[in-house]
């Protein structure tokens, strides 16, 4: 098994784009038409990679809001 840090930039880009396509296809299969998303992946939490289908500014806002909820242990039961 390889780690992200062992991949070249083109390999990592191809992997993240493939994951993004799968995420969109799975959402569509569940009746959700092209949701905005940011997929964050990492081996070392201090070195994260991401792929998104929305504006960088929106990703930053969403990550900040999510981090605040995680830190505050504000879990939503569904």
N, C-alpha and C. Protein backbone atom coordinates (compact mmCIF):
# COMPACT_ATOMS: atom_id res chain seq x y z
N UNK A 1 0.84 -1.19 0.00
CA UNK A 1 0.00 0.00 0.00
C UNK A 1 0.88 1.25 0.00
N UNK A 2 0.45 2.22 -0.75
CA UNK A 2 1.20 3.48 -0.84
C UNK A 2 0.55 4.54 0.03
N UNK A 3 1.35 5.49 0.41
CA UNK A 3 0.85 6.65 1.13
C UNK A 3 0.74 7.80 0.13
N UNK A 4 -0.09 8.78 0.45
CA UNK A 4 -0.23 9.93 -0.44
C UNK A 4 1.11 10.61 -0.69
N UNK A 5 1.93 10.69 0.34
CA UNK A 5 3.22 11.36 0.22
C UNK A 5 4.16 10.67 -0.76
N UNK A 6 3.89 9.39 -1.07
CA UNK A 6 4.72 8.65 -2.02
C UNK A 6 4.25 8.78 -3.46
N UNK A 7 3.12 9.45 -3.66
CA UNK A 7 2.55 9.59 -5.00
C UNK A 7 3.08 10.86 -5.67
N UNK A 8 3.17 10.81 -6.98
CA UNK A 8 3.53 12.01 -7.73
C UNK A 8 2.31 12.92 -7.78
N UNK A 9 2.52 14.17 -8.11
CA UNK A 9 1.39 15.10 -8.22
C UNK A 9 0.36 14.63 -9.26
N UNK A 10 0.79 14.16 -10.45
CA UNK A 10 -0.21 13.67 -11.42
C UNK A 10 -0.97 12.46 -10.89
N UNK A 11 -0.31 11.54 -10.18
CA UNK A 11 -0.99 10.38 -9.62
C UNK A 11 -2.01 10.80 -8.57
N UNK A 12 -1.62 11.71 -7.71
CA UNK A 12 -2.51 12.19 -6.66
C UNK A 12 -3.71 12.93 -7.26
N UNK A 13 -3.45 13.76 -8.26
CA UNK A 13 -4.54 14.49 -8.94
C UNK A 13 -5.52 13.50 -9.58
N UNK A 14 -4.99 12.47 -10.26
CA UNK A 14 -5.85 11.47 -10.90
C UNK A 14 -6.70 10.73 -9.86
N UNK A 15 -6.09 10.36 -8.74
CA UNK A 15 -6.82 9.67 -7.68
C UNK A 15 -7.93 10.55 -7.11
N UNK A 16 -7.60 11.79 -6.78
CA UNK A 16 -8.60 12.69 -6.20
C UNK A 16 -9.72 12.98 -7.18
N UNK A 17 -9.41 13.14 -8.45
CA UNK A 17 -10.45 13.37 -9.46
C UNK A 17 -11.34 12.14 -9.61
N UNK A 18 -10.76 10.95 -9.54
CA UNK A 18 -11.55 9.72 -9.62
C UNK A 18 -12.48 9.61 -8.41
N UNK A 19 -11.98 9.95 -7.23
CA UNK A 19 -12.82 9.93 -6.02
C UNK A 19 -13.95 10.94 -6.13
N UNK A 20 -13.66 12.11 -6.67
CA UNK A 20 -14.69 13.14 -6.84
C UNK A 20 -15.78 12.66 -7.80
N UNK A 21 -15.38 12.02 -8.89
CA UNK A 21 -16.37 11.49 -9.84
C UNK A 21 -17.26 10.43 -9.17
N UNK A 22 -16.65 9.57 -8.37
CA UNK A 22 -17.41 8.54 -7.66
C UNK A 22 -18.37 9.17 -6.64
N UNK A 23 -17.92 10.19 -5.95
CA UNK A 23 -18.78 10.87 -4.99
C UNK A 23 -20.00 11.47 -5.69
N UNK A 24 -19.77 12.15 -6.80
CA UNK A 24 -20.89 12.74 -7.55
C UNK A 24 -21.82 11.65 -8.08
N UNK A 25 -21.28 10.54 -8.58
CA UNK A 25 -22.10 9.45 -9.12
C UNK A 25 -22.93 8.81 -8.01
N UNK A 26 -22.35 8.61 -6.85
CA UNK A 26 -23.07 8.01 -5.73
C UNK A 26 -24.18 8.94 -5.25
N UNK A 27 -23.89 10.23 -5.17
CA UNK A 27 -24.92 11.19 -4.77
C UNK A 27 -26.08 11.16 -5.76
N UNK A 28 -25.75 11.15 -7.05
CA UNK A 28 -26.79 11.13 -8.08
C UNK A 28 -27.63 9.85 -7.99
N UNK A 29 -26.97 8.73 -7.70
CA UNK A 29 -27.69 7.45 -7.56
C UNK A 29 -28.67 7.49 -6.39
N UNK A 30 -28.41 8.39 -5.45
CA UNK A 30 -29.30 8.54 -4.28
C UNK A 30 -30.23 9.74 -4.44
N UNK A 31 -30.33 10.25 -5.65
CA UNK A 31 -31.27 11.32 -5.94
C UNK A 31 -30.80 12.72 -5.58
N UNK A 32 -29.51 12.87 -5.34
CA UNK A 32 -28.96 14.19 -5.01
C UNK A 32 -28.19 14.69 -6.23
N UNK A 33 -28.66 15.76 -6.82
CA UNK A 33 -28.06 16.29 -8.04
C UNK A 33 -26.88 17.21 -7.72
N UNK A 34 -25.71 16.79 -8.04
CA UNK A 34 -24.46 17.55 -7.93
C UNK A 34 -24.34 18.40 -6.65
N UNK A 35 -24.18 17.75 -5.51
CA UNK A 35 -24.01 18.51 -4.27
C UNK A 35 -22.64 19.18 -4.26
N UNK A 36 -22.54 20.30 -3.58
CA UNK A 36 -21.22 20.90 -3.39
C UNK A 36 -20.48 20.03 -2.38
N UNK A 37 -19.20 19.81 -2.63
CA UNK A 37 -18.43 19.00 -1.69
C UNK A 37 -16.97 19.38 -1.71
N UNK A 38 -16.33 19.00 -0.64
CA UNK A 38 -14.88 19.05 -0.52
C UNK A 38 -14.48 17.75 0.15
N UNK A 39 -13.68 16.96 -0.51
CA UNK A 39 -13.21 15.70 0.04
C UNK A 39 -11.79 15.92 0.55
N UNK A 40 -11.61 15.76 1.84
CA UNK A 40 -10.33 15.97 2.49
C UNK A 40 -9.73 14.61 2.82
N UNK A 41 -8.52 14.35 2.34
CA UNK A 41 -7.84 13.08 2.60
C UNK A 41 -6.45 13.37 3.14
N UNK A 42 -5.97 12.45 3.99
CA UNK A 42 -4.63 12.65 4.54
C UNK A 42 -4.10 11.36 5.14
N UNK A 43 -2.78 11.23 5.14
CA UNK A 43 -2.08 10.21 5.91
C UNK A 43 -1.61 10.86 7.21
N UNK A 44 -1.05 12.03 7.08
CA UNK A 44 -0.60 12.84 8.21
C UNK A 44 -1.58 14.01 8.32
N UNK A 45 -2.27 14.17 9.44
CA UNK A 45 -3.28 15.22 9.52
C UNK A 45 -2.75 16.64 9.34
N UNK A 46 -1.44 16.79 9.38
CA UNK A 46 -0.86 18.11 9.16
C UNK A 46 -0.55 18.36 7.69
N UNK A 47 -0.76 17.33 6.86
CA UNK A 47 -0.54 17.46 5.41
C UNK A 47 -1.74 16.85 4.70
N UNK A 48 -2.76 17.66 4.49
CA UNK A 48 -3.99 17.17 3.87
C UNK A 48 -4.04 17.55 2.40
N UNK A 49 -4.70 16.71 1.64
CA UNK A 49 -4.99 16.97 0.23
C UNK A 49 -6.50 17.07 0.10
N UNK A 50 -6.97 17.81 -0.88
CA UNK A 50 -8.42 17.87 -1.06
C UNK A 50 -8.78 18.05 -2.52
N UNK A 51 -10.01 17.68 -2.81
CA UNK A 51 -10.60 17.93 -4.11
C UNK A 51 -12.00 18.48 -3.83
N UNK A 52 -12.41 19.45 -4.61
CA UNK A 52 -13.71 20.08 -4.39
C UNK A 52 -14.34 20.44 -5.73
N UNK A 53 -15.64 20.62 -5.71
CA UNK A 53 -16.33 21.04 -6.92
C UNK A 53 -16.99 22.40 -6.72
N UNK A 54 -16.45 23.17 -5.79
CA UNK A 54 -17.02 24.48 -5.51
C UNK A 54 -15.88 25.49 -5.27
N UNK A 55 -16.27 26.70 -5.02
CA UNK A 55 -15.27 27.77 -4.86
C UNK A 55 -14.41 27.57 -3.62
N UNK A 56 -13.15 27.90 -3.73
CA UNK A 56 -12.20 27.79 -2.62
C UNK A 56 -12.72 28.51 -1.38
N UNK A 57 -13.29 29.69 -1.56
CA UNK A 57 -13.81 30.47 -0.43
C UNK A 57 -14.91 29.70 0.30
N UNK A 58 -15.77 29.03 -0.47
CA UNK A 58 -16.84 28.24 0.13
C UNK A 58 -16.29 27.04 0.90
N UNK A 59 -15.24 26.43 0.35
CA UNK A 59 -14.58 25.31 1.02
C UNK A 59 -14.02 25.76 2.37
N UNK A 60 -13.35 26.89 2.38
CA UNK A 60 -12.76 27.42 3.62
C UNK A 60 -13.85 27.67 4.65
N UNK A 61 -14.94 28.31 4.23
CA UNK A 61 -16.05 28.58 5.16
C UNK A 61 -16.64 27.28 5.70
N UNK A 62 -16.85 26.30 4.84
CA UNK A 62 -17.44 25.04 5.26
C UNK A 62 -16.50 24.28 6.21
N UNK A 63 -15.21 24.28 5.91
CA UNK A 63 -14.25 23.61 6.79
C UNK A 63 -14.20 24.27 8.16
N UNK A 64 -14.23 25.59 8.16
CA UNK A 64 -14.19 26.33 9.42
C UNK A 64 -15.43 26.02 10.26
N UNK A 65 -16.59 26.03 9.62
CA UNK A 65 -17.84 25.74 10.32
C UNK A 65 -17.82 24.31 10.85
N UNK A 66 -17.34 23.37 10.06
CA UNK A 66 -17.29 21.97 10.47
C UNK A 66 -16.30 21.79 11.63
N UNK A 67 -15.13 22.42 11.54
CA UNK A 67 -14.13 22.33 12.62
C UNK A 67 -14.70 22.88 13.92
N UNK A 68 -15.44 23.97 13.84
CA UNK A 68 -16.05 24.54 15.05
C UNK A 68 -17.02 23.54 15.69
N UNK A 69 -17.84 22.88 14.86
CA UNK A 69 -18.78 21.90 15.38
C UNK A 69 -18.05 20.69 15.96
N UNK A 70 -17.00 20.22 15.30
CA UNK A 70 -16.24 19.08 15.79
C UNK A 70 -15.58 19.41 17.13
N UNK A 71 -14.97 20.57 17.21
CA UNK A 71 -14.31 20.98 18.46
C UNK A 71 -15.32 21.14 19.59
N UNK A 72 -16.51 21.61 19.28
CA UNK A 72 -17.54 21.79 20.28
C UNK A 72 -18.35 20.53 20.55
N UNK A 73 -17.97 19.43 19.88
CA UNK A 73 -18.67 18.15 20.00
C UNK A 73 -20.19 18.32 19.77
N UNK A 74 -20.49 19.12 18.77
CA UNK A 74 -21.90 19.40 18.44
C UNK A 74 -22.36 18.41 17.37
N UNK A 75 -22.54 17.19 17.79
CA UNK A 75 -22.98 16.14 16.88
C UNK A 75 -24.48 16.25 16.64
N UNK A 76 -24.88 16.02 15.42
CA UNK A 76 -26.29 16.03 15.06
C UNK A 76 -26.73 14.59 14.88
N UNK A 77 -27.69 14.16 15.69
CA UNK A 77 -28.21 12.81 15.56
C UNK A 77 -29.28 12.80 14.48
N UNK A 78 -29.21 11.81 13.62
CA UNK A 78 -30.18 11.68 12.53
C UNK A 78 -30.83 10.34 12.58
